[in-house]
Structures are given as structure tokens and as C-alpha cells.
Protein backbone atom coordinates (compact mmCIF):
# COMPACT_ATOMS: atom_id res chain seq x y z
CA MET A 1 12.29 18.52 34.04
CA ASP A 2 10.29 16.09 36.09
CA ILE A 3 10.39 12.74 34.21
CA GLN A 4 8.04 11.16 36.76
CA LYS A 5 5.18 13.38 35.53
CA TRP A 6 5.33 12.16 31.95
CA ASP A 7 2.54 12.90 29.46
CA THR A 8 1.55 9.24 29.01
CA SER A 9 -1.70 10.13 27.19
CA TYR A 10 0.04 11.76 24.28
CA GLU A 11 2.84 9.20 24.44
CA TRP A 12 0.61 6.23 23.82
CA LYS A 13 -1.80 7.91 21.36
CA ILE A 14 0.95 9.00 19.07
CA VAL A 15 2.93 5.71 19.31
CA LEU A 16 -0.20 3.83 18.44
CA LEU A 17 -0.91 6.11 15.45
CA LEU A 18 2.70 6.11 14.18
CA THR A 19 2.79 2.27 14.61
CA LEU A 20 -0.22 2.03 12.31
CA GLY A 21 1.42 4.59 9.98
CA PHE A 22 4.64 2.63 9.67
CA GLY A 23 2.55 -0.52 9.32
CA LEU A 24 0.95 1.00 6.29
CA VAL A 25 4.38 1.96 4.90
CA GLY A 26 5.27 -1.76 5.16
CA LEU A 27 2.03 -2.95 3.62
CA ASP A 28 2.17 -0.51 0.72
CA ARG A 29 5.85 -1.32 0.09
CA TRP A 30 5.63 -5.14 0.39
CA ILE A 31 2.18 -6.02 -0.88
CA ILE A 32 3.80 -6.23 -4.26
CA ALA A 33 6.03 -9.19 -3.30
CA PRO A 34 3.39 -11.97 -3.13
CA LEU A 35 1.72 -10.51 -6.24
CA LEU A 36 4.92 -10.76 -8.26
CA PRO A 37 4.17 -14.10 -10.03
CA SER A 38 1.02 -12.56 -11.46
CA ILE A 39 2.65 -9.23 -12.20
CA MET A 40 5.62 -10.81 -13.89
CA LYS A 41 3.38 -12.82 -16.15
CA ASP A 42 1.10 -9.83 -17.10
CA LEU A 43 3.98 -7.35 -17.63
CA SER A 44 6.54 -9.84 -19.07
CA LEU A 45 9.14 -9.21 -16.34
CA ASN A 46 12.15 -11.35 -15.29
CA TYR A 47 14.19 -11.65 -12.05
CA GLN A 48 16.48 -8.78 -12.97
CA ASP A 49 13.43 -6.53 -13.60
CA VAL A 50 12.15 -7.41 -10.11
CA GLY A 51 15.45 -6.39 -8.59
CA LEU A 52 15.27 -3.03 -10.41
CA ILE A 53 11.69 -2.40 -9.06
CA PHE A 54 12.73 -2.99 -5.43
CA GLY A 55 16.00 -1.24 -5.91
CA ALA A 56 14.40 1.96 -7.27
CA LEU A 57 12.17 2.24 -4.21
CA GLY A 58 15.01 1.56 -1.86
CA ILE A 59 17.34 4.09 -3.38
CA THR A 60 14.83 6.92 -3.49
CA TRP A 61 13.72 6.05 0.05
CA GLY A 62 17.32 6.21 1.25
CA ILE A 63 18.12 9.56 -0.39
CA PHE A 64 14.98 11.29 0.88
CA SER A 65 15.40 9.78 4.35
CA ILE A 66 18.64 11.68 4.69
CA PHE A 67 17.21 15.07 3.49
CA SER A 68 13.75 14.75 5.09
CA GLY A 69 15.22 13.95 8.47
CA HIS A 70 17.34 17.04 8.30
CA LEU A 71 14.31 19.08 7.09
CA SER A 72 12.06 17.92 9.86
CA ASP A 73 14.58 19.09 12.44
CA LYS A 74 14.14 22.55 10.93
CA ILE A 75 10.45 22.83 10.05
CA GLY A 76 8.97 20.23 12.39
CA HIS A 77 7.24 16.80 11.98
CA ARG A 78 3.62 17.56 11.09
CA LYS A 79 4.03 18.78 7.50
CA ILE A 80 6.33 16.02 6.47
CA LEU A 81 4.37 13.20 8.11
CA LEU A 82 0.90 14.28 6.86
CA ILE A 83 1.97 15.04 3.31
CA SER A 84 4.14 11.93 2.86
CA LEU A 85 1.34 9.69 4.18
CA VAL A 86 -1.03 11.01 1.51
CA ILE A 87 1.54 10.67 -1.30
CA PHE A 88 2.67 7.09 -0.57
CA SER A 89 -0.96 5.96 -0.24
CA LEU A 90 -1.68 7.40 -3.71
CA ALA A 91 1.51 5.79 -5.09
CA SER A 92 0.27 2.46 -3.71
CA GLY A 93 -2.95 2.72 -5.49
CA PHE A 94 -1.39 3.85 -8.83
CA SER A 95 0.93 0.82 -8.69
CA GLY A 96 -2.07 -1.11 -9.89
CA ALA A 97 -2.29 1.12 -12.97
CA ALA A 98 1.30 0.28 -14.18
CA MET A 99 1.36 -0.91 -17.82
CA GLY A 100 5.02 -1.97 -17.96
CA LEU A 101 8.41 -2.01 -16.24
CA THR A 102 9.16 1.72 -16.69
CA SER A 103 5.87 2.97 -15.30
CA LEU A 104 6.04 0.57 -12.34
CA ILE A 105 9.60 1.67 -11.53
CA LEU A 106 8.64 5.38 -11.65
CA ILE A 107 5.57 4.77 -9.35
CA ARG A 108 7.56 2.72 -6.85
CA ALA A 109 10.39 5.35 -6.88
CA LEU A 110 7.78 8.01 -5.98
CA MET A 111 6.60 5.72 -3.23
CA GLY A 112 10.14 5.45 -1.99
CA ILE A 113 10.47 9.29 -1.83
CA SER A 114 7.37 9.71 0.32
CA GLU A 115 7.99 6.70 2.54
CA GLY A 116 11.62 7.82 2.95
CA ALA A 117 10.32 11.18 4.16
CA PHE A 118 7.90 9.48 6.59
CA CYS A 119 10.36 7.00 8.04
CA PRO A 120 13.00 9.01 10.01
CA THR A 121 10.49 11.70 10.92
CA SER A 122 8.13 9.16 12.46
CA PHE A 123 11.03 7.58 14.40
CA ALA A 124 11.98 10.99 15.69
CA ALA A 125 8.36 11.76 16.63
CA THR A 126 8.23 8.57 18.66
CA ALA A 127 11.56 9.30 20.33
CA VAL A 128 10.36 12.71 21.62
CA ALA A 129 7.05 11.33 22.79
CA ALA A 130 8.54 8.41 24.70
CA LYS A 131 9.77 8.44 28.30
CA PRO A 132 13.55 7.79 28.16
CA SER A 133 13.41 4.56 30.15
CA ARG A 134 11.05 2.99 27.60
CA ARG A 135 12.35 4.74 24.48
CA GLY A 136 13.79 1.58 23.00
CA THR A 137 10.63 -0.38 23.74
CA LEU A 138 8.30 2.18 22.19
CA GLN A 139 10.47 2.86 19.15
CA GLY A 140 10.63 -0.87 18.59
CA LEU A 141 6.86 -1.14 18.96
CA GLN A 142 6.40 1.64 16.38
CA GLN A 143 8.75 -0.03 13.94
CA SER A 144 7.18 -3.43 14.44
CA GLY A 145 4.09 -2.28 12.59
CA PHE A 146 6.14 -2.38 9.40
CA ALA A 147 6.82 -6.07 9.73
CA LEU A 148 3.38 -7.01 11.01
CA PHE A 149 1.37 -5.33 8.33
CA GLY A 150 3.82 -5.34 5.46
CA LEU A 151 5.48 -8.75 5.74
CA GLY A 152 3.10 -10.63 8.09
CA LEU A 153 -0.40 -9.80 7.10
CA GLY A 154 0.59 -8.50 3.62
CA PRO A 155 1.12 -11.85 1.93
CA ILE A 156 -2.07 -13.24 3.50
CA ILE A 157 -4.11 -10.18 2.51
CA ALA A 158 -2.71 -10.20 -1.05
CA THR A 159 -3.25 -13.87 -1.73
CA GLN A 160 -6.75 -13.87 -0.25
CA LEU A 161 -7.85 -10.67 -2.07
CA MET A 162 -6.71 -12.36 -5.30
CA LEU A 163 -9.56 -14.91 -4.74
CA PHE A 164 -12.19 -12.17 -4.74
CA LEU A 165 -10.84 -9.31 -6.93
CA PRO A 166 -10.56 -9.43 -10.76
CA SER A 167 -6.74 -9.09 -10.83
CA TRP A 168 -3.64 -7.92 -8.90
CA ARG A 169 -4.30 -4.33 -9.93
CA GLU A 170 -7.33 -3.82 -7.65
CA VAL A 171 -5.37 -5.15 -4.61
CA PHE A 172 -3.16 -2.03 -4.59
CA TRP A 173 -6.16 0.32 -4.35
CA VAL A 174 -7.76 -1.63 -1.48
CA VAL A 175 -4.55 -1.41 0.63
CA ALA A 176 -4.16 2.35 -0.10
CA ILE A 177 -7.44 3.34 1.56
CA PRO A 178 -6.36 3.15 5.31
CA GLY A 179 -3.63 5.74 4.72
CA PHE A 180 -6.19 8.44 3.93
CA VAL A 181 -8.11 7.65 7.16
CA LEU A 182 -4.95 7.69 9.33
CA VAL A 183 -3.86 11.12 8.13
CA ILE A 184 -7.05 12.64 9.60
CA PHE A 185 -6.29 11.28 13.09
CA LEU A 186 -2.62 12.43 12.90
CA PHE A 187 -3.79 15.91 11.84
CA PHE A 188 -5.63 16.41 15.17
CA ILE A 189 -3.22 14.58 17.56
CA LEU A 190 0.42 14.95 16.32
CA ARG A 191 2.47 17.71 18.07
CA GLU A 192 5.76 19.37 17.04
CA PRO A 193 8.88 18.35 18.94
CA GLU A 194 9.15 21.58 21.01
CA GLN A 195 5.60 20.98 22.27
CA THR A 196 6.57 17.60 23.83
CA GLN A 197 8.43 16.74 27.02
CA GLY A 198 10.88 14.42 25.21
CA GLY A 199 11.73 17.06 22.62
CA LYS A 200 12.81 19.48 25.30
CA LEU A 201 14.59 16.73 27.24
CA LEU A 202 16.71 15.33 24.40
CA ILE A 203 18.01 18.90 23.80
CA THR A 204 18.69 19.39 27.56
CA GLU A 205 20.51 16.06 27.87
CA LYS A 206 22.95 17.06 25.06
CA LYS A 207 23.62 20.75 25.97
CA GLU A 208 27.11 19.96 27.01
CA THR A 209 27.93 18.51 23.53
CA LYS A 210 26.14 21.17 21.45
CA GLN A 211 28.25 22.78 18.71
CA GLU A 212 28.09 26.40 17.63
CA LYS A 213 27.44 25.28 14.06
CA VAL A 214 25.88 21.98 13.35
CA ASN A 215 26.27 20.19 10.01
CA TRP A 216 26.57 16.73 8.45
CA SER A 217 30.21 16.31 9.44
CA VAL A 218 29.19 16.53 13.13
CA ILE A 219 26.84 13.61 12.62
CA LEU A 220 29.37 11.58 10.62
CA LYS A 221 32.03 12.10 13.29
CA THR A 222 29.72 10.48 15.86
CA ARG A 223 30.99 6.93 16.28
CA ASN A 224 27.72 5.25 16.87
CA ILE A 225 26.03 6.96 13.93
CA LEU A 226 28.65 5.74 11.55
CA LEU A 227 28.54 2.21 12.92
CA SER A 228 24.76 2.22 12.76
CA MET A 229 24.91 3.20 9.09
CA ILE A 230 27.19 0.27 8.34
CA GLY A 231 25.26 -2.14 10.54
CA LEU A 232 21.88 -1.13 9.01
CA PHE A 233 23.30 -1.70 5.54
CA CYS A 234 24.39 -5.19 6.63
CA THR A 235 21.07 -6.26 8.17
CA MET A 236 19.09 -4.70 5.33
CA SER A 237 21.11 -6.62 2.80
CA CYS A 238 19.56 -9.64 4.60
CA VAL A 239 16.09 -8.35 5.10
CA PHE A 240 15.35 -6.89 1.70
CA VAL A 241 16.97 -9.63 -0.30
CA ILE A 242 14.97 -12.19 1.60
CA SER A 243 11.69 -10.19 1.49
CA ALA A 244 11.99 -9.49 -2.22
CA MET A 245 13.16 -12.90 -3.49
CA VAL A 246 11.91 -15.55 -1.08
CA PRO A 247 8.31 -15.57 -2.55
CA LEU A 248 9.85 -16.35 -5.98
CA TYR A 249 12.35 -18.83 -4.44
CA LEU A 250 9.55 -20.69 -2.68
CA GLU A 251 7.25 -20.78 -5.75
CA ASN A 252 9.74 -21.26 -8.52
CA TYR A 253 12.55 -23.24 -6.86
CA LEU A 254 10.82 -25.22 -4.03
CA LYS A 255 7.61 -25.50 -6.10
CA LEU A 256 5.10 -24.36 -3.43
CA ASN A 257 1.67 -23.15 -4.58
CA ILE A 258 0.62 -19.53 -4.07
CA GLN A 259 -1.25 -20.17 -0.84
CA GLN A 260 1.57 -22.21 0.67
CA MET A 261 3.97 -19.49 -0.42
CA GLY A 262 1.88 -16.77 1.15
CA PHE A 263 1.74 -18.70 4.47
CA VAL A 264 5.53 -19.26 4.65
CA VAL A 265 6.36 -15.67 3.60
CA SER A 266 4.03 -14.34 6.30
CA ALA A 267 6.70 -15.65 8.80
CA ILE A 268 8.94 -12.69 7.80
CA GLY A 269 6.29 -10.32 9.15
CA PHE A 270 5.23 -12.17 12.26
CA GLY A 271 8.86 -12.92 13.23
CA GLY A 272 9.94 -9.43 12.31
CA PHE A 273 7.00 -7.92 14.33
CA LEU A 274 8.18 -9.62 17.52
CA GLY A 275 11.81 -8.91 16.78
CA GLN A 276 11.28 -5.18 16.12
CA PHE A 277 9.45 -4.96 19.51
CA LEU A 278 11.47 -7.33 21.68
CA VAL A 279 15.04 -6.69 20.45
CA PRO A 280 14.96 -2.98 21.35
CA ALA A 281 13.07 -3.84 24.55
CA PHE A 282 15.73 -6.34 25.49
CA SER A 283 18.36 -3.62 24.77
CA ASP A 284 16.66 -1.27 27.30
CA TRP A 285 17.66 -3.74 30.00
CA PHE A 286 20.80 -5.47 28.76
CA GLY A 287 22.36 -2.89 26.50
CA ARG A 288 22.35 -1.88 22.89
CA ARG A 289 25.68 -3.37 21.90
CA LEU A 290 25.00 -6.87 23.36
CA SER A 291 21.58 -6.87 21.66
CA ALA A 292 23.13 -5.97 18.31
CA VAL A 293 25.82 -8.63 18.47
CA LEU A 294 23.48 -11.42 19.49
CA SER A 295 20.96 -10.46 16.78
CA PHE A 296 23.53 -10.58 14.03
CA LEU A 297 24.70 -13.94 15.29
CA GLY A 298 21.11 -15.22 15.28
CA SER A 299 20.55 -13.83 11.75
CA THR A 300 23.67 -15.66 10.44
CA ILE A 301 22.70 -19.01 11.96
CA PHE A 302 19.19 -18.98 10.58
CA ILE A 303 20.15 -17.81 7.06
CA VAL A 304 22.30 -20.96 6.76
CA LEU A 305 19.52 -23.21 8.16
CA PHE A 306 16.80 -21.67 5.96
CA ALA A 307 18.89 -21.85 2.79
CA ASN A 308 19.42 -25.58 3.36
CA SER A 309 15.92 -26.47 4.40
CA ALA A 310 13.79 -28.88 2.38
CA ALA A 311 10.35 -27.92 1.04
CA SER A 312 8.53 -28.51 4.43
CA ILE A 313 5.99 -25.80 5.09
CA SER A 314 6.35 -25.93 8.89
CA SER A 315 10.21 -26.00 8.83
CA LEU A 316 10.42 -23.16 6.33
CA PHE A 317 7.97 -21.05 8.37
CA ILE A 318 9.78 -21.61 11.71
CA LEU A 319 13.26 -20.87 10.26
CA LEU A 320 12.12 -17.80 8.36
CA PHE A 321 10.28 -16.57 11.54
CA ALA A 322 13.52 -16.85 13.61
CA LEU A 323 15.67 -15.20 10.85
CA SER A 324 13.21 -12.33 10.58
CA PHE A 325 13.03 -11.96 14.39
CA PHE A 326 16.74 -11.11 14.57
CA SER A 327 17.25 -9.29 11.29
CA LEU A 328 14.25 -6.94 11.50
CA GLY A 329 14.90 -6.50 15.20
CA LEU A 330 18.24 -5.12 14.28
CA ILE A 331 16.65 -2.50 11.97
CA ALA A 332 14.53 -1.24 14.82
CA LEU A 333 17.57 -1.21 17.23
CA LEU A 334 20.10 0.54 14.91
CA SER A 335 17.80 3.11 13.37
CA GLY A 336 15.75 3.70 16.62
CA PRO A 337 17.30 3.98 20.07
CA ILE A 338 20.97 3.80 19.05
CA ALA A 339 20.63 6.56 16.43
CA ALA A 340 18.35 8.74 18.62
CA GLU A 341 20.57 8.50 21.71
CA SER A 342 23.81 9.04 19.81
CA ALA A 343 22.55 12.08 17.85
CA PRO A 344 24.11 15.50 18.44
CA ALA A 345 21.86 18.12 20.12
CA GLY A 346 18.90 19.14 17.94
CA LEU A 347 19.64 16.60 15.21
CA VAL A 348 17.70 13.54 16.22
CA ALA A 349 15.73 13.25 12.99
CA SER A 350 18.76 14.15 10.91
CA SER A 351 20.85 11.43 12.53
CA ILE A 352 18.07 8.78 12.14
CA GLY A 353 17.54 9.93 8.56
CA LEU A 354 21.23 9.52 7.73
CA VAL A 355 21.31 6.02 9.26
CA VAL A 356 18.15 4.92 7.58
CA GLY A 357 19.17 6.56 4.31
CA ALA A 358 22.55 4.84 4.11
CA GLY A 359 20.98 1.57 4.99
CA GLU A 360 18.23 1.93 2.42
CA ILE A 361 20.43 3.06 -0.45
CA PHE A 362 22.81 0.12 -0.11
CA GLY A 363 20.83 -2.50 1.71
CA GLY A 364 17.33 -1.73 0.33
CA GLY A 365 18.42 -0.36 -3.04
CA ILE A 366 21.62 -1.92 -4.37
CA ALA A 367 21.28 -5.32 -2.58
CA PRO A 368 17.96 -6.24 -4.22
CA VAL A 369 19.38 -5.29 -7.61
CA LEU A 370 22.39 -7.53 -6.96
CA SER A 371 20.12 -10.30 -5.87
CA GLY A 372 18.04 -9.94 -9.08
CA LEU A 373 21.31 -10.28 -11.08
CA VAL A 374 22.43 -13.36 -9.09
CA ALA A 375 18.98 -15.06 -9.46
CA GLU A 376 18.81 -14.37 -13.13
CA HIS A 377 22.41 -15.54 -14.07
CA TYR A 378 23.30 -18.00 -11.36
CA GLY A 379 20.04 -19.33 -9.95
CA ILE A 380 17.63 -17.95 -7.34
CA GLN A 381 18.94 -20.50 -4.75
CA ASN A 382 22.24 -18.52 -4.54
CA ILE A 383 20.74 -15.22 -3.35
CA PHE A 384 21.35 -16.21 0.30
CA TYR A 385 25.10 -15.71 0.04
CA LEU A 386 24.50 -11.89 -0.18
CA SER A 387 22.57 -11.93 3.04
CA LEU A 388 25.12 -14.14 4.75
CA VAL A 389 28.03 -11.81 3.95
CA GLY A 390 25.94 -8.88 5.40
CA THR A 391 25.18 -10.44 8.69
CA VAL A 392 28.77 -11.71 9.35
CA VAL A 393 30.18 -8.22 8.65
CA GLY A 394 27.43 -6.61 10.76
CA MET A 395 28.29 -8.81 13.75
CA ILE A 396 31.97 -7.65 13.61
CA VAL A 397 30.88 -4.00 13.25
CA SER A 398 28.43 -4.12 16.18
CA LEU A 399 31.26 -5.15 18.57
CA PHE A 400 32.52 -1.54 18.44
CA ILE A 401 29.20 0.18 19.33
CA ARG A 402 29.35 2.42 22.39
CA GLU A 403 26.69 1.72 24.99
CA THR A 404 23.85 4.32 25.10
CA ALA A 405 21.00 2.56 26.90
CA PRO A 406 19.92 4.89 29.84
CA ARG A 407 19.61 1.93 32.27
CA LYS A 408 23.00 0.60 31.47
CA ILE A 409 24.68 4.00 31.49
CA GLY A 410 22.96 4.83 34.80
CA THR A 411 24.22 1.54 36.32
CA LEU A 412 27.78 2.19 35.09
CA HIS A 413 27.74 5.68 36.47
CA LYS A 414 26.32 4.47 39.82
CA GLU A 415 28.97 1.66 40.04
CA LYS A 416 31.68 4.20 39.15
CA ASN A 417 30.49 6.65 41.84
CA GLU A 418 30.24 3.91 44.43
CA SER A 419 33.73 2.79 43.61
CA THR A 420 35.12 6.33 43.86
CA GLU A 421 33.38 6.86 47.21
CA THR A 422 34.82 3.57 48.50
CA ILE A 423 38.44 4.55 47.49
CA GLN A 424 38.01 7.99 49.06
CA SER A 425 36.73 6.51 52.31
CA HIS A 426 39.70 4.15 52.42
CA GLU A 427 42.07 7.02 51.74
CA SER A 428 40.53 9.08 54.48
CA ALA A 429 40.81 6.17 56.93
């Protein structure tokens, strides 16, 4: 296949649409965070209840990421992406109709099911649309929409809409509308994997490793997939504890007002947006393993600095921006190019789904529940210890990742061939 004649028109159209799609996933998922003070007051919720709300979504997201990724490898991308986009947009709107803890948990769990189906399938769709030399960059770009819309613009949108709408309930319906518009564009543009150059190329690249019968054990025996699952759990235990609890930490512990809190929390999104784009892009040039190690190190440093910062708006924003840059960048790196490039033949979406699912169940599901328990019984200022343990363990795990970046592998192969040729020429002489 001639990689030089790449279908750049489809590549950029679908990456743009899937970036917006994953941005809406982030917006619908995280718009609830800056609204929590009002929701907790109206529905009589405590910190432990908040942890359960976030945990329910994370666990269902994780479970359905695993199965939908495997399903999309069998039936294609279109049905899963279009249907899931409609469902999570509806779930977002109906979040505003919740009358108590139980109904809110059930609605958010449904959102987790549909967003869990959308997540690995959209990553795989980007992987097969992207030219191999920029796969990491474009997968990072697609995933960066989650941070930009959900964690960056979300707090600002939520707190500003509260000034004009009667209550927090109407905010959910407003942010649900764009999802219904996007599904129309995807219906006319999105292709199935076998209709793309990248879909054919990924299978061709892995022919020599293809098994007669492919199952979950094949994926789990793949070293990088297993390490990515553990690594994603570690970085998600940072990202989702911070994203769920920091708004309450800022307002209840550091005593910021709602507008100040919204501004500081937006740093998670803006820092994460750049991180999810630049960390995978950096890995295209300097390698996946080095990028993972450095990002876990950066996350560790800035967790400590943020947890010990005074109630200075500018300092809190800068530290949270840097923390989010590294931690959300890791999500894009581990669940994107590393998972896609390490996947067995024909199992790109399945592998991504397994990585995302494991990370979501533990990092996005169980970690917020634990943080809610910690906040309720030991004080919300102690939630950062959970994140710190995750990033330190993740840094150790990432040291064992095998390099998969095409540029780095190509360089290593070239150097190896040149070395072999030199030795042979000396032996001939």
C-alpha cells in the first residue's frame, strides 16, 4: 500500500468530527462537577454520595468499553458510534430531571454505558483514518477534545449558564443539544474500517503475528496492553479524583466562591487539552516509553505542589494546569497509540476497549468512590494521597513498556541494518 498517497481529506474530516464527539463526551460527563454544590443542596447529598455518582458512571463506562470495543471489531464502527452518541446526549439531558440520589446514579450509569461504547470505537476509528507517522498526534488531538470541552470550557459554561437559567436542571438540556447535531454529520461521513487505508494497513502490518483463533487471552498476553491497562488505572486515579473532588475542595476547604472555583477548575481542561495533544505528539518523535515515564514524573511533582498550595487563584490555576497536562496526556498516550500499535491483528478496538475499560473500572469507577469515603471521613484535603500513589506506581510500570512509535522503531531498524552491513563489510575485507 502506498502510504504517500494518503486520503487526507477523510483523515482530517473524521478526526475533526470525532474530536468534537469526544469533546461532547467530556462535556456531558463533567458538566455535573461545577454544578455539584447546587445539586448537593437540592438533593441533600454528601461527599460519599458524590463519589457513588461518579463511580457508577466510571464502572459502567469501563465494562462497556471492553465489550463494545470487541463488538465494533466484528460489526464495524458506524452503528456503535451513532447510537451511543444519541443515547449519551439523552442521558445528559435527563440528568437534569433527577429527583434524588438513586435516579441520578441510574441516569449517570446509563451515560457511562453509552460513552463507554463510544470511547474505544472512536479511538479505533481515528487510528484507521490516520497516517501511521502522525497516528499519535491525531489520536492525541481527538482525545484532547474531552479535556477542552469537558474540563476546560465545561466549568465556565456551567457557572455562566447558572446566571441566566432558572436552576442547574436546565443546564443539562442545553449541553445535550450539540450531540444530536453531530450525529447527522457522522452519519454521512464516517466509514467502516475496511473502507479506509489505515484499516487495511493495520491488518497488513500484523499479518506475521496473526493467530488462527483470536480471543481475550491473546490480548492479555500482549505485554504493552497489560502495562497500558495498569498505567491507565494509575493515571485515571489521579485525573478522576482531581476532576470530581477539586471543585468541592476549592469551594468548601479553600473557601473560593463559585466563579473563582469555575476559573481554577477550568485549568484541568485547558492543561489536559494541550497534554492530550502534545504528549502523544512528543511520543511520535521521542518514543512512547520516554513520554510515559516523563509524564508520570510530572504528574507526581505537580500533585504535591497543588495539594500544598495556598488559596491563590493564579497559583492554583497554574499548578492544576501543569498537573492536568501530564496526567490527561497519559490517558491519550496509553489508550491511543500504545494500545493501537500493540494490538493483535484485527483487534485494535478490542485492545483499546480493554485498556480503557480496565482504567475506567478502577481509576474512573472505584477511585472516585474511595475519594468520596476519604473526603467524608478524613477530610477532603486528604484526597490527593490516592492520586499520588497512582502516579508513583504508574511511573514504575511505564519503565517496562516496549517501544512502538513507528519513527523510533524505524530508526532502530535502520541503525541495526547499518551496523550489520558494517560488520559484514569488515568481515569481507
